[in-house]
Protein backbone atom coordinates (compact mmCIF):
# COMPACT_ATOMS: atom_id res chain seq x y z
CA MET A 1 13.69 -33.95 1.36
CA ASN A 2 14.38 -30.27 0.77
CA PRO A 3 17.96 -29.72 2.07
CA THR A 4 17.06 -26.17 3.20
CA LYS A 5 14.54 -27.48 5.73
CA PRO A 6 15.34 -28.95 9.17
CA THR A 7 16.00 -32.67 9.10
CA ASN A 8 12.89 -33.40 11.19
CA ASP A 9 10.63 -32.04 8.42
CA ARG A 10 8.98 -34.42 5.96
CA TRP A 11 6.60 -34.01 3.02
CA ARG A 12 3.17 -35.62 3.08
CA GLU A 13 0.08 -35.57 0.91
CA VAL A 14 -3.51 -36.35 1.85
CA ARG A 15 -6.62 -36.57 -0.31
CA ALA A 16 -9.44 -34.23 0.75
CA ASP A 17 -12.88 -33.87 -0.86
CA GLN A 18 -11.77 -31.02 -3.13
CA GLN A 19 -8.20 -32.02 -4.01
CA THR A 20 -4.95 -33.46 -2.74
CA ILE A 21 -3.26 -31.30 -0.10
CA GLY A 22 0.51 -31.42 0.31
CA PHE A 23 2.16 -30.23 3.49
CA THR A 24 5.40 -30.17 5.42
CA LEU A 25 5.18 -32.18 8.65
CA ARG A 26 7.31 -31.26 11.60
CA ARG A 27 7.40 -33.14 14.89
CA SER A 28 7.76 -31.23 18.16
CA ARG A 29 7.01 -31.33 21.86
CA ARG A 30 3.85 -29.25 21.49
CA LYS A 31 0.64 -30.65 22.97
CA SER A 32 -1.63 -30.37 19.92
CA ILE A 33 -1.56 -30.32 16.13
CA GLY A 34 -0.84 -26.89 14.65
CA LEU A 35 -1.51 -25.77 11.07
CA VAL A 36 0.17 -22.71 9.59
CA ILE A 37 0.07 -21.24 6.06
CA ASN A 38 3.27 -19.43 5.10
CA GLY A 39 5.23 -18.61 1.96
CA ASP A 40 6.15 -22.28 1.54
CA GLY A 41 2.56 -23.53 1.78
CA LEU A 42 0.98 -25.58 4.57
CA GLN A 43 3.14 -26.52 7.54
CA VAL A 44 1.79 -28.96 10.12
CA THR A 45 3.46 -29.29 13.50
CA ALA A 46 2.41 -32.27 15.57
CA PRO A 47 3.40 -33.90 18.89
CA ASN A 48 5.68 -36.91 18.64
CA TRP A 49 2.97 -39.20 20.00
CA VAL A 50 0.31 -38.33 17.39
CA THR A 51 -0.06 -40.92 14.61
CA LEU A 52 0.20 -40.09 10.92
CA ARG A 53 -3.41 -41.15 10.49
CA GLU A 54 -4.54 -38.62 13.10
CA ILE A 55 -2.49 -35.91 11.40
CA ASP A 56 -4.00 -36.70 8.01
CA GLU A 57 -7.49 -36.65 9.52
CA ALA A 58 -6.82 -33.22 11.05
CA VAL A 59 -5.75 -31.89 7.64
CA VAL A 60 -8.83 -33.32 5.92
CA GLU A 61 -11.10 -31.90 8.63
CA ARG A 62 -9.66 -28.40 8.09
CA SER A 63 -9.34 -28.79 4.31
CA ARG A 64 -11.79 -26.03 3.38
CA TRP A 65 -9.98 -23.54 5.62
CA ILE A 66 -6.58 -24.73 4.35
CA LEU A 67 -7.47 -24.43 0.66
CA ALA A 68 -9.01 -21.00 1.18
CA LYS A 69 -5.91 -19.76 3.00
CA LEU A 70 -3.57 -21.31 0.43
CA SER A 71 -5.49 -19.56 -2.34
CA LEU A 72 -5.19 -16.21 -0.57
CA SER A 73 -1.50 -16.76 0.12
CA GLN A 74 -0.76 -17.65 -3.51
CA ALA A 75 -2.71 -14.64 -4.74
CA ARG A 76 -0.83 -12.37 -2.36
CA GLN A 77 2.55 -13.73 -3.47
CA ALA A 78 1.60 -13.20 -7.11
CA ARG A 79 0.46 -9.69 -6.28
CA LEU A 80 3.67 -8.89 -4.42
CA ALA A 81 5.73 -10.25 -7.29
CA ALA A 82 3.86 -7.92 -9.64
CA ILE A 83 4.32 -5.02 -7.26
CA ASN A 84 8.10 -5.48 -7.32
CA THR A 85 8.13 -4.65 -11.03
CA HIS A 86 6.81 -1.19 -10.14
CA TRP A 87 9.73 -0.24 -7.86
CA ARG A 88 11.70 1.33 -10.72
CA ASP A 89 12.04 4.50 -12.74
CA GLY A 90 8.72 4.98 -14.51
CA GLY A 91 6.83 2.67 -12.16
CA ASP A 92 3.62 3.80 -10.51
CA ILE A 93 2.27 3.69 -6.96
CA PRO A 94 -1.16 4.48 -5.51
CA TYR A 95 -1.26 7.66 -3.46
CA LEU A 96 -4.53 9.07 -2.12
CA GLY A 97 -6.50 7.20 -4.75
CA GLN A 98 -4.36 8.22 -7.73
CA ASN A 99 -1.50 6.38 -9.42
CA ILE A 100 1.56 8.62 -9.36
CA ILE A 101 4.72 7.97 -11.38
CA LEU A 102 8.18 7.36 -9.91
CA LYS A 103 11.19 9.19 -11.30
CA LEU A 104 14.70 8.30 -10.17
CA ASP A 105 17.32 11.04 -10.35
CA ASP A 106 20.35 10.97 -8.07
CA SER A 107 21.29 14.53 -9.04
CA ARG A 108 18.46 15.80 -6.83
CA GLY A 109 18.27 15.90 -3.07
CA GLY A 110 15.47 14.22 -1.18
CA ALA A 111 12.00 13.33 -2.46
CA ILE A 112 10.20 15.91 -4.60
CA PHE A 113 6.51 15.62 -5.48
CA ASN A 114 5.39 17.72 -8.43
CA GLY A 115 1.66 17.80 -7.64
CA SER A 116 -0.65 19.06 -4.93
CA MET A 117 0.40 17.11 -1.85
CA PHE A 118 -3.10 16.16 -0.72
CA ALA A 119 -4.98 16.51 -4.01
CA PRO A 120 -2.83 14.47 -6.42
CA ARG A 121 -3.75 13.92 -10.04
CA GLN A 122 -3.24 10.84 -12.18
CA ASP A 123 0.37 10.65 -13.42
CA ASP A 124 1.78 13.29 -11.06
CA THR A 125 5.41 12.37 -10.37
CA LEU A 126 7.43 11.63 -7.27
CA CYS A 127 11.13 12.18 -7.88
CA LEU A 128 13.53 10.27 -5.62
CA ALA A 129 17.24 10.95 -5.16
CA LEU A 130 18.26 7.52 -6.45
CA PRO A 131 20.13 6.32 -9.55
CA ARG A 132 17.89 5.13 -12.39
CA ASP A 133 19.15 1.57 -11.94
CA ALA A 134 18.58 1.49 -8.17
CA GLU A 135 17.60 -1.88 -6.70
CA CYS A 136 13.89 -2.50 -6.13
CA ASN A 137 14.23 -2.71 -2.36
CA HIS A 138 15.98 0.68 -2.19
CA VAL A 139 13.24 2.28 -4.28
CA ARG A 140 10.55 0.62 -2.17
CA ASP A 141 12.11 1.79 1.10
CA SER A 142 12.44 5.37 -0.16
CA VAL A 143 8.86 5.43 -1.41
CA ASN A 144 7.48 3.97 1.81
CA MET A 145 9.41 6.50 3.89
CA TRP A 146 7.89 9.34 1.88
CA LEU A 147 4.40 7.81 2.07
CA GLN A 148 4.65 7.45 5.84
CA GLN A 149 5.65 11.11 6.15
CA GLN A 150 2.61 12.14 4.13
CA ALA A 151 0.38 9.76 6.10
CA LYS A 152 1.47 11.32 9.39
CA ILE A 153 0.64 14.83 8.17
CA TRP A 154 -2.71 13.94 6.55
CA PHE A 155 -3.95 11.63 9.31
CA GLU A 156 -3.15 14.27 11.91
CA GLN A 157 -5.30 16.78 10.04
CA ARG A 158 -8.21 14.36 9.69
CA LEU A 159 -8.00 13.30 13.32
CA GLN A 160 -8.17 16.89 14.50
CA HIS A 161 -11.11 17.55 12.19
CA PHE A 162 -13.17 14.60 13.42
CA LEU A 163 -12.21 15.12 17.05
CA THR A 164 -13.78 18.55 16.74
CA VAL A 165 -16.84 17.18 14.93
CA GLY A 166 -17.36 14.43 17.50
CA GLN A 167 -16.36 16.55 20.51
CA LEU A 168 -13.89 13.86 21.48
CA GLN A 169 -10.39 13.64 22.93
CA ILE A 170 -7.62 11.10 22.50
CA LYS A 171 -4.57 10.40 24.59
CA ARG A 172 -2.21 9.92 21.65
CA TRP A 173 -2.04 8.49 18.15
CA ARG A 174 0.62 6.90 15.97
CA LEU A 175 1.16 5.12 12.68
CA THR A 176 1.24 1.35 12.52
CA SER A 177 2.35 -1.22 9.94
CA ALA A 178 -0.10 -3.92 11.06
CA ALA A 179 -0.67 -6.62 8.45
CA THR A 180 -4.22 -7.42 9.57
CA ARG A 181 -5.81 -4.16 10.76
CA TRP A 182 -6.46 -0.71 9.33
CA GLY A 183 -6.62 0.87 12.74
CA SER A 184 -7.26 0.33 16.42
CA CYS A 185 -8.41 2.17 19.53
CA SER A 186 -7.30 1.11 22.99
CA GLY A 187 -9.15 1.57 26.24
CA ASP A 188 -6.86 4.38 27.34
CA GLY A 189 -7.79 6.51 24.31
CA SER A 190 -4.79 5.72 22.11
CA ILE A 191 -5.39 5.50 18.36
CA ARG A 192 -3.33 3.60 15.80
CA LEU A 193 -3.75 4.07 12.04
CA ASN A 194 -2.19 1.90 9.36
CA TRP A 195 0.07 4.11 7.24
CA ARG A 196 -0.89 2.11 4.12
CA LEU A 197 -4.25 3.88 4.19
CA ILE A 198 -2.42 6.71 2.41
CA HIS A 199 -2.82 4.65 -0.77
CA PHE A 200 -6.59 5.19 -0.64
CA GLU A 201 -8.75 8.15 -1.51
CA HIS A 202 -9.78 10.61 1.19
CA THR A 203 -13.22 9.12 1.86
CA ILE A 204 -11.77 5.77 2.92
CA ILE A 205 -9.20 7.37 5.21
CA ASP A 206 -11.95 9.48 6.78
CA TYR A 207 -14.02 6.35 7.37
CA VAL A 208 -11.21 4.55 9.23
CA VAL A 209 -10.48 7.64 11.34
CA ALA A 210 -14.16 8.04 12.22
CA HIS A 211 -14.44 4.29 12.93
CA GLU A 212 -11.61 4.34 15.45
CA LEU A 213 -12.78 7.55 17.10
CA ALA A 214 -16.26 6.06 17.52
CA HIS A 215 -14.64 3.38 19.67
CA LEU A 216 -13.86 6.07 22.23
CA ARG A 217 -17.55 5.94 23.14
CA GLU A 218 -18.43 2.38 22.08
CA MET A 219 -15.71 -0.30 22.42
CA ASN A 220 -17.70 -2.77 20.31
CA HIS A 221 -19.48 -3.01 16.97
CA SER A 222 -23.03 -2.73 18.24
CA LYS A 223 -25.84 -0.67 16.70
CA ASN A 224 -24.86 2.14 19.04
CA PHE A 225 -21.32 2.00 17.69
CA TRP A 226 -22.41 2.33 14.06
CA ARG A 227 -24.76 5.11 15.07
CA GLU A 228 -21.75 6.90 16.56
CA VAL A 229 -19.73 6.39 13.35
CA GLY A 230 -22.61 7.93 11.41
CA ARG A 231 -22.76 10.86 13.79
CA ILE A 232 -19.07 11.58 13.20
CA LEU A 233 -19.13 10.76 9.47
CA PRO A 234 -22.57 10.68 7.82
CA ASP A 235 -22.95 8.40 4.78
CA PHE A 236 -19.87 6.34 5.62
CA GLU A 237 -21.28 3.10 4.16
CA PRO A 238 -19.81 3.34 0.61
CA ALA A 239 -16.31 3.88 2.03
CA ARG A 240 -16.74 0.94 4.41
CA ALA A 241 -17.85 -1.30 1.53
CA ALA A 242 -14.88 -0.22 -0.60
CA LEU A 243 -12.37 -0.88 2.18
CA ARG A 244 -13.76 -4.37 2.81
CA GLN A 245 -12.47 -5.39 -0.61
CA HIS A 246 -8.88 -4.96 0.55
CA ASP A 247 -6.51 -6.65 2.98
CA PRO A 248 -3.75 -4.58 4.66
CA ALA A 249 -1.24 -7.33 3.82
CA SER A 250 -1.91 -6.96 0.10
CA LEU A 251 -0.91 -3.30 -0.16
CA PRO A 252 0.39 -1.28 -1.86
CA LEU A 253 -2.19 -1.66 -4.59
CA VAL A 254 -1.04 -1.53 -8.21
């Protein structure tokens, strides 16, 4: 038993059609069997009265879903591990579709970008007021703070542009850090946009903005909704297809 886990956890393995699935089993007072994929793999929580055979059968029944989720989780962890090597002097980050280079220099004040703020070029540099040997998490936090500032400015401009195009009004908007959504529109006319969109080129950002604004008229994904998206942003399909290749939880891209 792993000494870092609660004493009521135990390790089990069950043979599914594709392969053997290992999981951590935890007993609880819940009323049904729960399956969760986290950084440690599959965790199954089951009521005290459920037999081990029933638990194993539940895992086998959901094996395709489990293996798919485990694969995504492992790929994400590998991606994040790779990303951490970029939080350093000379590392690169995606900004508006271009990879810009990080420079650490604690003799300077604040963050200084040496390119055109909203038309960056490959290998433009972002200089941060940090020592060259700064820890990865400090570099990451400084970069993300700067990116969120830029996202707020750029998204505001694009919102105003498409509100005019669509003859629409919103109640308010704000940035979000959602791990599963690029944006949202609530019934009261409030818009939320994921700040990580600032990693993408302009066309993708415009698509998400137009998508959420279209929900002001159509709170669904019907044909009328997509017609409204096209009215606000003609020829949006390539940007939609490009965005579908990415998961908010996997960003920033490197």
